Protein backbone atom coordinates (compact mmCIF):
# COMPACT_ATOMS: atom_id res chain seq x y z
CA UNK A 1 156.41 124.14 59.34
CA UNK A 2 158.75 125.38 61.82
CA UNK A 3 157.24 125.13 65.93
CA UNK A 4 154.68 127.57 66.59
CA UNK A 5 156.73 131.15 67.34
CA UNK A 6 156.07 133.78 70.12
CA UNK A 7 156.10 137.12 69.38
CA UNK A 8 157.10 137.87 73.00
CA UNK A 9 156.84 136.49 76.09
CA UNK A 10 153.20 137.36 77.79
CA UNK A 11 152.66 140.60 80.08
CA UNK A 12 151.63 139.87 83.14
CA UNK A 13 151.65 142.06 85.95
CA UNK A 14 149.82 143.47 89.31
CA UNK A 15 150.75 146.08 91.28
CA UNK A 16 149.61 148.82 93.97
CA UNK A 17 150.18 152.41 92.16
CA UNK A 18 149.27 155.53 92.70
CA UNK A 19 146.86 157.25 90.39
CA UNK A 20 146.33 160.96 89.41
CA UNK A 21 142.60 161.49 90.48
CA UNK A 22 140.70 163.32 87.93
CA UNK A 23 137.79 164.81 89.63
CA UNK A 24 139.94 165.31 92.88
CA UNK A 25 143.59 167.28 93.06
CA UNK A 26 145.81 164.53 94.68
CA UNK A 27 146.71 160.59 93.99
CA UNK A 28 144.74 157.67 94.61
CA UNK A 29 145.77 154.51 95.57
CA UNK A 30 144.58 151.40 93.33
CA UNK A 31 145.65 147.81 92.69
CA UNK A 32 146.79 148.18 88.86
CA UNK A 33 146.81 144.71 86.05
CA UNK A 34 148.48 144.46 83.19
CA UNK A 35 147.60 141.37 80.89
CA UNK A 36 148.78 141.20 77.05
CA UNK A 37 147.92 144.85 76.07
CA UNK A 38 144.93 145.55 78.40
CA UNK A 39 145.30 147.96 81.51
CA UNK A 40 142.84 147.11 84.46
CA UNK A 41 142.25 149.40 87.36
CA UNK A 42 140.92 148.21 90.80
CA UNK A 43 139.96 149.13 94.19
CA UNK A 44 142.12 145.94 95.94
CA UNK A 45 143.25 143.05 94.78
CA UNK A 46 140.41 141.06 94.38
CA UNK A 47 137.34 143.65 93.23
CA UNK A 48 135.98 143.40 89.56
CA UNK A 49 137.68 146.51 86.93
CA UNK A 50 136.41 149.35 87.85
CA UNK A 51 137.62 150.19 83.86
CA UNK A 52 140.34 148.90 81.66
CA UNK A 53 142.16 150.36 77.88
CA UNK A 54 143.81 148.93 75.56
CA UNK A 55 146.99 150.52 75.36
CA UNK A 56 147.63 149.19 72.00
CA UNK A 57 149.40 152.44 69.96
CA UNK A 58 149.16 154.79 72.64
CA UNK A 59 151.15 157.30 73.42
CA UNK A 60 153.34 156.33 76.65
CA UNK A 61 155.87 158.37 78.56
CA UNK A 62 158.13 156.92 80.54
CA UNK A 63 159.30 159.66 83.05
CA UNK A 64 160.48 157.36 85.11
CA UNK A 65 163.53 157.92 87.67
CA UNK A 66 165.70 155.70 90.17
CA UNK A 67 163.78 156.54 93.01
CA UNK A 68 159.74 155.81 91.31
CA UNK A 69 158.78 159.04 89.11
CA UNK A 70 155.20 158.17 86.74
CA UNK A 71 154.27 156.98 82.82
CA UNK A 72 151.90 159.35 80.99
CA UNK A 73 149.44 156.83 79.20
CA UNK A 74 147.38 159.51 76.29
CA UNK A 75 143.70 158.09 75.38
CA UNK A 76 141.49 160.01 73.06
CA UNK A 77 139.47 161.37 75.70
CA UNK A 78 141.92 162.16 79.20
CA UNK A 79 145.56 161.10 79.83
CA UNK A 80 145.98 158.71 82.77
CA UNK A 81 149.06 159.38 84.96
CA UNK A 82 150.12 157.00 87.59
CA UNK A 83 152.63 157.54 90.18
CA UNK A 84 154.92 155.38 91.34
CA UNK A 85 157.73 155.64 94.70
CA UNK A 86 160.12 152.74 93.95
CA UNK A 87 162.23 152.95 90.80
CA UNK A 88 162.35 149.13 90.60
CA UNK A 89 158.72 148.93 89.74
CA UNK A 90 158.51 151.78 87.93
CA UNK A 91 161.21 150.67 85.65
CA UNK A 92 159.19 146.98 85.16
CA UNK A 93 155.97 149.34 84.38
CA UNK A 94 156.74 151.43 82.22
CA UNK A 95 158.61 148.91 80.05
CA UNK A 96 155.82 146.51 79.82
CA UNK A 97 153.75 148.88 79.05
CA UNK A 98 155.94 150.81 76.05
CA UNK A 99 156.13 146.48 75.16
CA UNK A 100 152.21 146.48 75.32
CA UNK A 101 151.77 149.38 73.17
CA UNK A 102 153.35 147.47 69.97
CA UNK A 103 152.33 144.09 70.46
CA UNK A 104 150.36 143.94 67.06
CA UNK A 105 150.56 140.98 65.22
CA UNK A 106 151.82 142.63 62.15
CA UNK A 107 155.03 143.99 64.26
CA UNK A 108 155.95 140.44 64.09
CA UNK A 109 154.47 138.26 61.44
CA UNK A 110 153.76 138.58 57.13
CA UNK A 111 149.88 137.10 56.89
CA UNK A 112 149.55 134.68 54.42
CA UNK A 113 146.88 132.82 52.94
CA UNK A 114 144.42 130.66 54.90
CA UNK A 115 144.86 127.35 55.10
CA UNK A 116 142.44 125.85 57.62
CA UNK A 117 138.88 126.95 58.81
CA UNK A 118 137.14 125.86 62.78
CA UNK A 119 133.67 127.06 64.18
CA UNK A 120 135.41 129.85 65.89
CA UNK A 121 139.03 130.72 64.38
CA UNK A 122 141.12 131.05 61.07
CA UNK A 123 144.36 128.96 60.70
CA UNK A 124 146.75 131.33 58.03
CA UNK A 125 150.28 130.55 56.84
CA UNK A 126 152.90 133.34 58.09
CA UNK A 127 156.36 134.46 58.24
CA UNK A 128 158.27 136.00 60.86
CA UNK A 129 159.64 138.91 59.89
CA UNK A 130 163.29 138.59 61.59
CA UNK A 131 164.07 135.27 60.06
CA UNK A 132 161.21 134.97 57.29
CA UNK A 133 160.76 131.19 59.13
CA UNK A 134 156.95 130.06 58.30
CA UNK A 135 154.46 129.56 61.07
CA UNK A 136 150.69 128.87 61.41
CA UNK A 137 148.68 131.77 63.14
CA UNK A 138 145.31 131.72 65.07
CA UNK A 139 143.03 133.68 64.11
CA UNK A 140 140.41 133.93 66.94
CA UNK A 141 136.85 135.59 65.67
CA UNK A 142 135.32 137.29 68.50
CA UNK A 143 131.98 138.30 67.71
């Protein structure tokens, strides 16, 4: 069996960005973290998350420019607008968010039969969609 394959490097970003205020007109400076497919908003770097969303399968509108711009993430109940004052940071975040929205295992691997099991997970045989290589896929029960 081939070595364990990953469909992409883990996404791990953190920056102070501007967010459109929902209740009052204006912008708020907040610390945003993107870890894998989860985007969280914090008052500052050390604070607990005020909220967290999974960007998997969310519509992401990239309106970034060389000087900044914005990204709009559509959620079931609202749209989240994140604004940038730096074009390089804007591009980095827009690309990372677009990559995170499609990080489904099924986009990269075909799942096969179960080949092992532990207390909290199962191991399945899988195949890469890009080359058909055999891989082992560990499925962790989050319950």
